[in-house]
N, C-alpha and C. Protein backbone atom coordinates (compact mmCIF):
# COMPACT_ATOMS: atom_id res chain seq x y z
N MET A 1 64.58 -6.01 113.26
CA MET A 1 63.40 -6.04 112.39
C MET A 1 63.11 -7.44 111.89
N ILE A 2 64.18 -8.15 111.46
CA ILE A 2 64.01 -9.52 110.97
C ILE A 2 63.47 -10.42 112.06
N LYS A 3 63.97 -10.22 113.30
CA LYS A 3 63.51 -11.05 114.41
C LYS A 3 62.02 -10.87 114.65
N LEU A 4 61.50 -9.70 114.35
CA LEU A 4 60.07 -9.46 114.51
C LEU A 4 59.26 -10.04 113.36
N LEU A 5 59.84 -10.02 112.16
CA LEU A 5 59.11 -10.49 110.97
C LEU A 5 58.91 -11.99 110.97
N VAL A 6 59.90 -12.75 111.44
CA VAL A 6 59.82 -14.21 111.38
C VAL A 6 58.62 -14.75 112.15
N PRO A 7 58.44 -14.40 113.44
CA PRO A 7 57.25 -14.90 114.13
C PRO A 7 55.95 -14.36 113.54
N LEU A 8 55.98 -13.14 113.00
CA LEU A 8 54.78 -12.58 112.39
C LEU A 8 54.38 -13.39 111.17
N MET A 9 55.35 -13.78 110.35
CA MET A 9 55.07 -14.61 109.17
C MET A 9 54.53 -15.97 109.58
N ALA A 10 55.08 -16.53 110.65
CA ALA A 10 54.61 -17.83 111.12
C ALA A 10 53.16 -17.75 111.59
N LEU A 11 52.83 -16.68 112.30
CA LEU A 11 51.46 -16.51 112.75
C LEU A 11 50.50 -16.32 111.58
N THR A 12 50.94 -15.59 110.57
CA THR A 12 50.11 -15.36 109.39
C THR A 12 49.83 -16.66 108.67
N MET A 13 50.80 -17.56 108.66
CA MET A 13 50.64 -18.84 107.97
C MET A 13 49.56 -19.70 108.63
N PHE A 14 49.50 -19.68 109.94
CA PHE A 14 48.59 -20.58 110.64
C PHE A 14 47.27 -19.94 111.04
N TYR A 15 47.20 -18.63 111.01
CA TYR A 15 45.98 -17.96 111.43
C TYR A 15 45.53 -16.97 110.37
N SER A 16 44.25 -16.81 110.27
CA SER A 16 43.70 -15.78 109.39
C SER A 16 42.42 -15.26 110.04
N ASN A 17 42.47 -13.96 110.44
CA ASN A 17 41.32 -13.36 111.14
C ASN A 17 40.93 -14.19 112.36
N GLY A 18 41.93 -14.71 113.07
CA GLY A 18 41.67 -15.47 114.28
C GLY A 18 41.27 -16.90 114.06
N ILE A 19 41.20 -17.34 112.81
CA ILE A 19 40.80 -18.71 112.51
C ILE A 19 42.05 -19.54 112.26
N GLN A 20 42.19 -20.66 112.97
CA GLN A 20 43.38 -21.47 112.85
C GLN A 20 43.26 -22.45 111.68
N ALA A 21 44.38 -22.61 110.98
CA ALA A 21 44.43 -23.58 109.88
C ALA A 21 44.92 -24.92 110.39
N ASP A 22 44.34 -26.00 109.87
CA ASP A 22 44.90 -27.33 110.05
C ASP A 22 45.95 -27.53 108.97
N VAL A 23 47.18 -27.81 109.38
CA VAL A 23 48.27 -27.97 108.42
C VAL A 23 48.48 -29.46 108.17
N HIS A 24 48.29 -29.88 106.92
CA HIS A 24 48.34 -31.28 106.56
C HIS A 24 49.53 -31.56 105.64
N LYS A 25 50.21 -32.65 105.93
CA LYS A 25 51.27 -33.16 105.06
C LYS A 25 50.79 -34.46 104.44
N ILE A 26 50.99 -34.62 103.13
CA ILE A 26 50.52 -35.82 102.44
C ILE A 26 51.28 -37.05 102.92
N ASP A 27 50.53 -38.08 103.30
CA ASP A 27 51.10 -39.38 103.64
C ASP A 27 51.16 -40.20 102.35
N ARG A 28 52.32 -40.20 101.71
CA ARG A 28 52.43 -40.78 100.37
C ARG A 28 52.13 -42.28 100.35
N ALA A 29 52.44 -42.96 101.44
CA ALA A 29 52.24 -44.41 101.48
C ALA A 29 50.76 -44.78 101.38
N HIS A 30 49.89 -43.84 101.71
CA HIS A 30 48.45 -44.11 101.70
C HIS A 30 47.70 -43.15 100.77
N SER A 31 48.40 -42.65 99.75
CA SER A 31 47.80 -41.71 98.81
C SER A 31 48.16 -42.11 97.39
N SER A 32 47.40 -41.60 96.43
CA SER A 32 47.70 -41.92 95.03
C SER A 32 47.23 -40.79 94.11
N ILE A 33 47.97 -40.61 93.02
CA ILE A 33 47.62 -39.65 91.97
C ILE A 33 47.44 -40.45 90.69
N ASN A 34 46.22 -40.46 90.17
CA ASN A 34 45.86 -41.35 89.07
C ASN A 34 45.32 -40.55 87.88
N PHE A 35 45.44 -41.15 86.68
CA PHE A 35 44.90 -40.49 85.49
C PHE A 35 44.33 -41.53 84.53
N LYS A 36 43.44 -41.07 83.65
CA LYS A 36 42.86 -41.91 82.60
C LYS A 36 42.82 -41.12 81.30
N ILE A 37 43.12 -41.82 80.18
CA ILE A 37 43.05 -41.18 78.87
C ILE A 37 42.57 -42.20 77.85
N ARG A 38 41.81 -41.73 76.89
CA ARG A 38 41.25 -42.61 75.87
C ARG A 38 42.34 -43.11 74.92
N HIS A 39 42.35 -44.43 74.67
CA HIS A 39 43.19 -45.04 73.64
C HIS A 39 42.29 -45.92 72.79
N LEU A 40 41.99 -45.46 71.56
CA LEU A 40 41.02 -46.14 70.70
C LEU A 40 39.70 -46.30 71.46
N PHE A 41 39.33 -47.55 71.80
CA PHE A 41 38.04 -47.78 72.45
C PHE A 41 38.14 -47.87 73.97
N ALA A 42 39.34 -48.05 74.47
CA ALA A 42 39.53 -48.25 75.90
C ALA A 42 40.05 -46.98 76.56
N LYS A 43 40.14 -47.03 77.87
CA LYS A 43 40.81 -45.97 78.61
C LYS A 43 42.01 -46.56 79.34
N VAL A 44 43.18 -46.00 79.07
CA VAL A 44 44.40 -46.42 79.74
C VAL A 44 44.52 -45.66 81.05
N THR A 45 44.84 -46.37 82.12
CA THR A 45 45.01 -45.75 83.43
C THR A 45 46.48 -45.76 83.83
N GLY A 46 46.84 -44.82 84.66
CA GLY A 46 48.21 -44.75 85.15
C GLY A 46 48.26 -43.93 86.42
N GLN A 47 49.45 -43.80 86.96
CA GLN A 47 49.62 -43.02 88.18
C GLN A 47 51.03 -42.48 88.25
N PHE A 48 51.20 -41.51 89.12
CA PHE A 48 52.53 -41.01 89.48
C PHE A 48 52.84 -41.53 90.88
N LYS A 49 54.00 -42.14 91.02
CA LYS A 49 54.31 -42.84 92.27
C LYS A 49 55.14 -42.02 93.25
N SER A 50 55.69 -40.90 92.80
CA SER A 50 56.51 -40.09 93.70
C SER A 50 55.98 -38.66 93.70
N PHE A 51 55.57 -38.19 94.86
CA PHE A 51 54.99 -36.85 94.97
C PHE A 51 55.01 -36.40 96.43
N SER A 52 54.81 -35.13 96.63
CA SER A 52 54.72 -34.57 97.98
C SER A 52 53.81 -33.35 97.92
N GLY A 53 53.37 -32.91 99.08
CA GLY A 53 52.51 -31.73 99.08
C GLY A 53 52.03 -31.38 100.47
N ASN A 54 51.45 -30.21 100.55
CA ASN A 54 50.93 -29.71 101.83
C ASN A 54 49.58 -29.04 101.62
N ILE A 55 48.78 -29.09 102.65
CA ILE A 55 47.46 -28.46 102.63
C ILE A 55 47.31 -27.63 103.90
N GLN A 56 46.94 -26.38 103.74
CA GLN A 56 46.49 -25.56 104.87
C GLN A 56 44.97 -25.49 104.77
N TYR A 57 44.30 -26.22 105.62
CA TYR A 57 42.85 -26.34 105.54
C TYR A 57 42.20 -25.58 106.69
N PHE A 58 41.33 -24.64 106.35
CA PHE A 58 40.60 -23.85 107.34
C PHE A 58 39.18 -24.41 107.43
N PRO A 59 38.89 -25.29 108.37
CA PRO A 59 37.56 -25.90 108.45
C PRO A 59 36.44 -24.89 108.69
N GLU A 60 36.76 -23.77 109.34
CA GLU A 60 35.74 -22.76 109.63
C GLU A 60 35.56 -21.76 108.49
N ASN A 61 36.50 -21.75 107.56
CA ASN A 61 36.41 -20.83 106.42
C ASN A 61 37.28 -21.40 105.29
N VAL A 62 36.72 -22.33 104.54
CA VAL A 62 37.51 -23.09 103.56
C VAL A 62 38.09 -22.20 102.47
N LYS A 63 37.53 -21.01 102.26
CA LYS A 63 38.04 -20.12 101.22
C LYS A 63 39.47 -19.68 101.48
N LYS A 64 39.91 -19.78 102.72
CA LYS A 64 41.27 -19.40 103.07
C LYS A 64 42.26 -20.56 102.92
N SER A 65 41.77 -21.73 102.55
CA SER A 65 42.63 -22.91 102.45
C SER A 65 43.61 -22.78 101.28
N LYS A 66 44.72 -23.50 101.38
CA LYS A 66 45.76 -23.49 100.35
C LYS A 66 46.21 -24.92 100.09
N PHE A 67 46.51 -25.20 98.81
CA PHE A 67 46.94 -26.53 98.39
C PHE A 67 48.19 -26.41 97.52
N THR A 68 49.21 -27.21 97.82
CA THR A 68 50.39 -27.29 96.96
C THR A 68 50.73 -28.75 96.72
N LEU A 69 51.24 -29.02 95.52
CA LEU A 69 51.57 -30.40 95.13
C LEU A 69 52.78 -30.38 94.22
N GLU A 70 53.70 -31.29 94.46
CA GLU A 70 54.89 -31.45 93.60
C GLU A 70 55.00 -32.92 93.22
N ILE A 71 55.06 -33.19 91.91
CA ILE A 71 55.08 -34.55 91.38
C ILE A 71 56.38 -34.77 90.63
N ASP A 72 57.00 -35.91 90.86
CA ASP A 72 58.17 -36.33 90.09
C ASP A 72 57.66 -36.93 88.78
N ALA A 73 57.84 -36.20 87.67
CA ALA A 73 57.27 -36.63 86.39
C ALA A 73 57.81 -37.99 85.94
N SER A 74 59.04 -38.30 86.30
CA SER A 74 59.64 -39.57 85.87
C SER A 74 59.04 -40.77 86.58
N SER A 75 58.23 -40.52 87.62
CA SER A 75 57.62 -41.62 88.37
C SER A 75 56.34 -42.12 87.72
N ILE A 76 56.02 -41.64 86.52
CA ILE A 76 54.81 -42.07 85.83
C ILE A 76 54.85 -43.57 85.58
N SER A 77 53.71 -44.23 85.78
CA SER A 77 53.63 -45.68 85.60
C SER A 77 52.26 -46.06 85.05
N THR A 78 52.27 -46.80 83.94
CA THR A 78 51.04 -47.37 83.39
C THR A 78 51.13 -48.89 83.36
N ASP A 79 52.09 -49.43 84.12
CA ASP A 79 52.30 -50.87 84.20
C ASP A 79 52.72 -51.46 82.85
N HIS A 80 53.45 -50.67 82.06
CA HIS A 80 53.93 -51.12 80.75
C HIS A 80 55.24 -50.38 80.48
N GLU A 81 56.37 -51.07 80.61
CA GLU A 81 57.67 -50.41 80.61
C GLU A 81 57.94 -49.62 79.33
N LYS A 82 57.66 -50.21 78.18
CA LYS A 82 57.93 -49.52 76.92
C LYS A 82 57.10 -48.25 76.80
N ARG A 83 55.83 -48.33 77.16
CA ARG A 83 54.96 -47.16 77.10
C ARG A 83 55.40 -46.09 78.11
N ASP A 84 55.79 -46.52 79.30
CA ASP A 84 56.23 -45.57 80.32
C ASP A 84 57.48 -44.81 79.86
N ASN A 85 58.41 -45.51 79.23
CA ASN A 85 59.61 -44.85 78.71
C ASN A 85 59.25 -43.84 77.62
N HIS A 86 58.26 -44.18 76.80
CA HIS A 86 57.80 -43.24 75.78
C HIS A 86 57.16 -42.01 76.43
N LEU A 87 56.38 -42.22 77.48
CA LEU A 87 55.75 -41.11 78.19
C LEU A 87 56.78 -40.18 78.83
N ARG A 88 57.93 -40.71 79.19
CA ARG A 88 58.99 -39.89 79.79
C ARG A 88 59.78 -39.11 78.74
N SER A 89 59.62 -39.47 77.49
CA SER A 89 60.42 -38.88 76.41
C SER A 89 59.90 -37.50 76.02
N ALA A 90 60.59 -36.87 75.05
CA ALA A 90 60.20 -35.54 74.57
C ALA A 90 58.85 -35.55 73.86
N ASP A 91 58.35 -36.71 73.46
CA ASP A 91 57.03 -36.79 72.84
C ASP A 91 55.92 -36.45 73.83
N PHE A 92 56.20 -36.69 75.10
CA PHE A 92 55.16 -36.47 76.13
C PHE A 92 55.69 -35.55 77.24
N PHE A 93 56.10 -36.10 78.37
CA PHE A 93 56.44 -35.26 79.51
C PHE A 93 57.85 -34.67 79.47
N TRP A 94 58.72 -35.25 78.66
CA TRP A 94 60.10 -34.74 78.50
C TRP A 94 60.73 -34.52 79.87
N VAL A 95 60.79 -35.60 80.64
CA VAL A 95 61.18 -35.48 82.05
C VAL A 95 62.63 -35.05 82.23
N GLU A 96 63.46 -35.31 81.24
CA GLU A 96 64.86 -34.89 81.35
C GLU A 96 64.97 -33.37 81.45
N LYS A 97 64.10 -32.68 80.72
CA LYS A 97 64.11 -31.21 80.73
C LYS A 97 63.13 -30.63 81.74
N HIS A 98 62.04 -31.35 82.00
CA HIS A 98 60.99 -30.85 82.90
C HIS A 98 60.68 -31.92 83.95
N PRO A 99 61.53 -32.04 84.97
CA PRO A 99 61.40 -33.16 85.92
C PRO A 99 60.23 -33.04 86.89
N LYS A 100 59.67 -31.86 87.07
CA LYS A 100 58.63 -31.67 88.08
C LYS A 100 57.31 -31.21 87.46
N ILE A 101 56.23 -31.69 88.03
CA ILE A 101 54.89 -31.19 87.76
C ILE A 101 54.43 -30.49 89.05
N LEU A 102 53.99 -29.24 88.94
CA LEU A 102 53.69 -28.45 90.13
C LEU A 102 52.26 -27.91 90.09
N PHE A 103 51.63 -27.90 91.26
CA PHE A 103 50.31 -27.26 91.39
C PHE A 103 50.32 -26.38 92.62
N SER A 104 49.76 -25.18 92.47
CA SER A 104 49.62 -24.26 93.59
C SER A 104 48.26 -23.58 93.49
N SER A 105 47.47 -23.68 94.54
CA SER A 105 46.13 -23.07 94.51
C SER A 105 46.24 -21.55 94.57
N LYS A 106 45.30 -20.89 93.90
CA LYS A 106 45.22 -19.43 93.90
C LYS A 106 43.91 -18.93 94.51
N ARG A 107 42.88 -19.74 94.41
CA ARG A 107 41.58 -19.36 94.97
C ARG A 107 40.80 -20.61 95.33
N VAL A 108 40.09 -20.55 96.45
CA VAL A 108 39.26 -21.68 96.89
C VAL A 108 37.85 -21.18 97.12
N GLU A 109 36.88 -21.90 96.56
CA GLU A 109 35.48 -21.55 96.74
C GLU A 109 34.77 -22.69 97.47
N ASP A 110 33.90 -22.33 98.38
CA ASP A 110 33.12 -23.31 99.14
C ASP A 110 32.00 -23.84 98.25
N ALA A 111 32.01 -25.15 97.96
CA ALA A 111 30.99 -25.75 97.11
C ALA A 111 29.93 -26.49 97.92
N GLY A 112 30.00 -26.41 99.25
CA GLY A 112 29.01 -27.04 100.11
C GLY A 112 29.28 -28.51 100.33
N GLU A 113 28.74 -29.04 101.43
CA GLU A 113 28.85 -30.46 101.77
C GLU A 113 30.30 -30.94 101.77
N ASN A 114 31.19 -30.15 102.40
CA ASN A 114 32.61 -30.49 102.53
C ASN A 114 33.33 -30.57 101.18
N ARG A 115 32.80 -29.88 100.19
CA ARG A 115 33.46 -29.83 98.88
C ARG A 115 33.96 -28.42 98.60
N MET A 116 35.05 -28.35 97.83
CA MET A 116 35.64 -27.08 97.46
C MET A 116 35.95 -27.06 95.97
N LYS A 117 35.82 -25.89 95.38
CA LYS A 117 36.30 -25.69 94.01
C LYS A 117 37.61 -24.94 94.13
N VAL A 118 38.69 -25.59 93.75
CA VAL A 118 40.02 -25.03 93.89
C VAL A 118 40.54 -24.61 92.52
N ILE A 119 40.83 -23.35 92.37
CA ILE A 119 41.40 -22.83 91.13
C ILE A 119 42.87 -22.55 91.39
N GLY A 120 43.73 -23.11 90.54
CA GLY A 120 45.16 -22.94 90.76
C GLY A 120 45.94 -23.02 89.48
N HIS A 121 47.25 -22.90 89.61
CA HIS A 121 48.16 -22.97 88.47
C HIS A 121 48.84 -24.33 88.44
N LEU A 122 48.73 -25.00 87.30
CA LEU A 122 49.42 -26.27 87.06
C LEU A 122 50.55 -26.03 86.09
N THR A 123 51.76 -26.43 86.48
CA THR A 123 52.93 -26.33 85.61
C THR A 123 53.35 -27.73 85.21
N MET A 124 53.36 -27.97 83.90
CA MET A 124 53.69 -29.29 83.38
C MET A 124 54.39 -29.11 82.03
N ARG A 125 55.50 -29.80 81.89
CA ARG A 125 56.31 -29.70 80.66
C ARG A 125 56.70 -28.26 80.36
N GLY A 126 56.92 -27.48 81.41
CA GLY A 126 57.36 -26.10 81.26
C GLY A 126 56.26 -25.11 80.95
N VAL A 127 55.01 -25.56 80.92
CA VAL A 127 53.87 -24.70 80.62
C VAL A 127 53.01 -24.55 81.88
N THR A 128 52.63 -23.33 82.20
CA THR A 128 51.77 -23.07 83.35
C THR A 128 50.40 -22.59 82.88
N LYS A 129 49.36 -23.28 83.33
CA LYS A 129 47.99 -22.94 82.95
C LYS A 129 47.09 -23.01 84.18
N PRO A 130 46.02 -22.21 84.20
CA PRO A 130 45.04 -22.34 85.29
C PRO A 130 44.17 -23.57 85.09
N ILE A 131 43.88 -24.27 86.16
CA ILE A 131 42.95 -25.40 86.11
C ILE A 131 42.01 -25.32 87.31
N GLU A 132 40.91 -26.02 87.19
CA GLU A 132 39.93 -26.09 88.28
C GLU A 132 39.87 -27.51 88.81
N VAL A 133 39.95 -27.65 90.11
CA VAL A 133 39.95 -28.96 90.76
C VAL A 133 38.82 -29.00 91.78
N THR A 134 38.05 -30.08 91.76
CA THR A 134 37.02 -30.29 92.79
C THR A 134 37.63 -31.13 93.91
N VAL A 135 37.62 -30.59 95.11
CA VAL A 135 38.23 -31.26 96.27
C VAL A 135 37.15 -31.55 97.31
N SER A 136 37.15 -32.76 97.83
CA SER A 136 36.24 -33.15 98.91
C SER A 136 37.04 -33.44 100.17
N TYR A 137 36.60 -32.89 101.28
CA TYR A 137 37.20 -33.19 102.58
C TYR A 137 36.40 -34.31 103.21
N LEU A 138 37.09 -35.40 103.58
CA LEU A 138 36.41 -36.61 104.05
C LEU A 138 36.36 -36.73 105.57
N GLY A 139 36.98 -35.79 106.27
CA GLY A 139 37.00 -35.85 107.73
C GLY A 139 38.36 -36.28 108.25
N GLN A 140 38.44 -36.44 109.58
CA GLN A 140 39.70 -36.85 110.18
C GLN A 140 39.45 -37.73 111.40
N VAL A 141 40.50 -38.50 111.75
CA VAL A 141 40.40 -39.44 112.86
C VAL A 141 41.81 -39.72 113.37
N ALA A 142 41.92 -40.07 114.63
CA ALA A 142 43.21 -40.47 115.19
C ALA A 142 43.45 -41.94 114.91
N ASP A 143 44.61 -42.27 114.34
CA ASP A 143 44.92 -43.68 114.07
C ASP A 143 45.36 -44.37 115.36
N PRO A 144 45.58 -45.70 115.34
CA PRO A 144 45.93 -46.42 116.57
C PRO A 144 47.24 -45.98 117.21
N TRP A 145 48.07 -45.22 116.48
CA TRP A 145 49.35 -44.77 117.00
C TRP A 145 49.31 -43.31 117.46
N GLY A 146 48.10 -42.74 117.49
CA GLY A 146 47.95 -41.39 118.02
C GLY A 146 48.16 -40.27 117.02
N THR A 147 48.34 -40.62 115.75
CA THR A 147 48.52 -39.60 114.71
C THR A 147 47.16 -39.23 114.13
N THR A 148 46.90 -37.95 114.01
CA THR A 148 45.64 -37.50 113.44
C THR A 148 45.73 -37.51 111.93
N LYS A 149 44.90 -38.33 111.30
CA LYS A 149 44.88 -38.46 109.84
C LYS A 149 43.60 -37.85 109.29
N ALA A 150 43.70 -37.31 108.09
CA ALA A 150 42.54 -36.76 107.40
C ALA A 150 42.52 -37.27 105.97
N GLY A 151 41.38 -37.12 105.33
CA GLY A 151 41.24 -37.59 103.95
C GLY A 151 40.73 -36.50 103.03
N PHE A 152 41.31 -36.46 101.83
CA PHE A 152 40.87 -35.55 100.77
C PHE A 152 40.81 -36.33 99.47
N GLU A 153 39.82 -36.02 98.65
CA GLU A 153 39.75 -36.55 97.29
C GLU A 153 39.63 -35.39 96.33
N ALA A 154 40.27 -35.52 95.16
CA ALA A 154 40.25 -34.44 94.18
C ALA A 154 40.04 -35.00 92.78
N ASN A 155 39.32 -34.24 91.97
CA ASN A 155 39.06 -34.62 90.58
C ASN A 155 39.25 -33.42 89.68
N ALA A 156 39.82 -33.67 88.51
CA ALA A 156 40.01 -32.60 87.53
C ALA A 156 40.03 -33.21 86.14
N LYS A 157 39.80 -32.38 85.16
CA LYS A 157 39.88 -32.78 83.76
C LYS A 157 40.70 -31.72 83.03
N LEU A 158 41.65 -32.16 82.21
CA LEU A 158 42.47 -31.19 81.48
C LEU A 158 42.75 -31.69 80.07
N ASN A 159 43.06 -30.75 79.20
CA ASN A 159 43.44 -31.05 77.82
C ASN A 159 44.96 -31.08 77.75
N ARG A 160 45.51 -32.23 77.43
CA ARG A 160 46.97 -32.37 77.43
C ARG A 160 47.63 -31.41 76.45
N LYS A 161 46.93 -31.04 75.37
CA LYS A 161 47.51 -30.15 74.37
C LYS A 161 47.75 -28.75 74.93
N ASP A 162 47.01 -28.38 75.98
CA ASP A 162 47.25 -27.09 76.63
C ASP A 162 48.66 -27.02 77.21
N PHE A 163 49.25 -28.18 77.46
CA PHE A 163 50.59 -28.24 78.05
C PHE A 163 51.62 -28.76 77.04
N GLU A 164 51.29 -28.59 75.76
CA GLU A 164 52.19 -28.95 74.66
C GLU A 164 52.54 -30.43 74.64
N ILE A 165 51.62 -31.25 75.13
CA ILE A 165 51.75 -32.70 74.99
C ILE A 165 50.82 -33.10 73.85
N THR A 166 51.36 -33.14 72.65
CA THR A 166 50.54 -33.21 71.44
C THR A 166 50.72 -34.49 70.64
N TRP A 167 51.60 -35.38 71.05
CA TRP A 167 51.90 -36.57 70.25
C TRP A 167 50.63 -37.38 69.98
N ASN A 168 50.53 -37.91 68.75
CA ASN A 168 49.41 -38.77 68.38
C ASN A 168 49.77 -39.53 67.11
N LYS A 169 48.93 -40.48 66.73
CA LYS A 169 49.07 -41.23 65.48
C LYS A 169 47.72 -41.28 64.79
N SER A 170 47.74 -41.02 63.47
CA SER A 170 46.50 -41.06 62.69
C SER A 170 46.14 -42.49 62.32
N LEU A 171 44.84 -42.72 62.18
CA LEU A 171 44.33 -44.03 61.75
C LEU A 171 43.97 -43.98 60.27
N ASP A 172 44.17 -45.09 59.58
CA ASP A 172 43.82 -45.15 58.16
C ASP A 172 42.33 -44.89 57.95
N SER A 173 41.53 -45.28 58.92
CA SER A 173 40.08 -45.11 58.82
C SER A 173 39.62 -43.72 59.25
N GLY A 174 40.58 -42.88 59.66
CA GLY A 174 40.25 -41.55 60.16
C GLY A 174 40.36 -41.49 61.67
N GLY A 175 40.60 -40.31 62.17
CA GLY A 175 40.75 -40.15 63.61
C GLY A 175 42.17 -40.45 64.06
N VAL A 176 42.35 -40.49 65.37
CA VAL A 176 43.66 -40.72 65.97
C VAL A 176 43.53 -41.75 67.09
N ILE A 177 44.68 -42.27 67.53
CA ILE A 177 44.62 -43.35 68.53
C ILE A 177 44.44 -42.83 69.96
N LEU A 178 44.84 -41.58 70.20
CA LEU A 178 44.90 -41.10 71.58
C LEU A 178 44.01 -39.88 71.77
N GLY A 179 43.24 -39.88 72.85
CA GLY A 179 42.39 -38.74 73.15
C GLY A 179 43.17 -37.55 73.67
N ASP A 180 42.52 -36.41 73.72
CA ASP A 180 43.15 -35.19 74.23
C ASP A 180 42.85 -34.95 75.70
N MET A 181 41.65 -35.34 76.15
CA MET A 181 41.23 -35.04 77.51
C MET A 181 41.74 -36.11 78.49
N VAL A 182 42.21 -35.64 79.62
CA VAL A 182 42.76 -36.52 80.66
C VAL A 182 41.96 -36.32 81.94
N ASP A 183 41.49 -37.41 82.52
CA ASP A 183 40.79 -37.38 83.81
C ASP A 183 41.79 -37.63 84.93
N ILE A 184 41.77 -36.75 85.92
CA ILE A 184 42.68 -36.86 87.06
C ILE A 184 41.87 -37.22 88.31
N GLU A 185 42.33 -38.22 89.05
CA GLU A 185 41.73 -38.60 90.32
C GLU A 185 42.84 -38.69 91.37
N ILE A 186 42.65 -37.98 92.46
CA ILE A 186 43.66 -37.95 93.52
C ILE A 186 43.01 -38.37 94.84
N PHE A 187 43.64 -39.32 95.50
CA PHE A 187 43.17 -39.80 96.80
C PHE A 187 44.28 -39.55 97.82
N LEU A 188 43.99 -38.72 98.80
CA LEU A 188 45.01 -38.33 99.76
C LEU A 188 44.63 -38.70 101.18
N GLU A 189 45.56 -39.33 101.87
CA GLU A 189 45.50 -39.45 103.32
C GLU A 189 46.60 -38.55 103.84
N THR A 190 46.24 -37.66 104.74
CA THR A 190 47.20 -36.67 105.21
C THR A 190 47.42 -36.79 106.71
N ILE A 191 48.54 -36.25 107.14
CA ILE A 191 48.84 -36.14 108.57
C ILE A 191 48.53 -34.71 108.99
N ASN A 192 47.60 -34.57 109.90
CA ASN A 192 47.26 -33.24 110.42
C ASN A 192 48.33 -32.87 111.44
N GLU A 193 49.34 -32.14 110.98
CA GLU A 193 50.47 -31.83 111.84
C GLU A 193 50.09 -30.89 112.97
N SER A 194 49.07 -30.08 112.76
CA SER A 194 48.62 -29.17 113.83
C SER A 194 48.08 -29.97 115.00
N ALA A 195 47.25 -30.98 114.70
CA ALA A 195 46.64 -31.79 115.76
C ALA A 195 47.64 -32.79 116.32
N SER A 196 48.46 -33.39 115.44
CA SER A 196 49.37 -34.45 115.87
C SER A 196 50.47 -33.92 116.76
N SER A 197 50.81 -32.63 116.58
CA SER A 197 51.89 -32.06 117.37
C SER A 197 51.42 -31.50 118.71
N THR A 198 50.11 -31.53 118.90
CA THR A 198 49.56 -31.01 120.16
C THR A 198 49.77 -32.01 121.29
N PRO A 199 50.37 -31.62 122.42
CA PRO A 199 50.61 -32.56 123.52
C PRO A 199 49.31 -33.16 124.05
């Protein structure tokens, strides 16, 4: 029975109603996960430098597509060592207790013009919440070494307090130094393993 189930599961992963999925692995060397948050009058930018993920993209029926992402929370970088160490502490991401940030798509809607609205679960600092991500498919091309590469861009906005990241400082004049809303921008170059593995 098990011998029959294994190939059946494999076929289910790559096909849906006869439609084949393109299976993409994130090429981390050519991808980035970036964020922006208000600090007084400016916006501080940063990124996570260590992450991995996979995409099952159905070009003929994008609603069947799936997205997963795993981020090493300790890899956060704002190009300021003291601030980065504070961000890793219990005041913010508490990476010692919650080392991973995870995203898994639950539903994909076709937004037209190679865009998708991806609704999924984001787990951060031990809290899981639904978020909505706008994803654009940029196309694919074979690189000079024969590997099929594709491009995806994603944007999202979230309230850090939803994930129990609440640290702030009050100003004597009123208000606080740090905003609540965080803008997320993700730029992905992926390896289309389905195409690249084809002889």
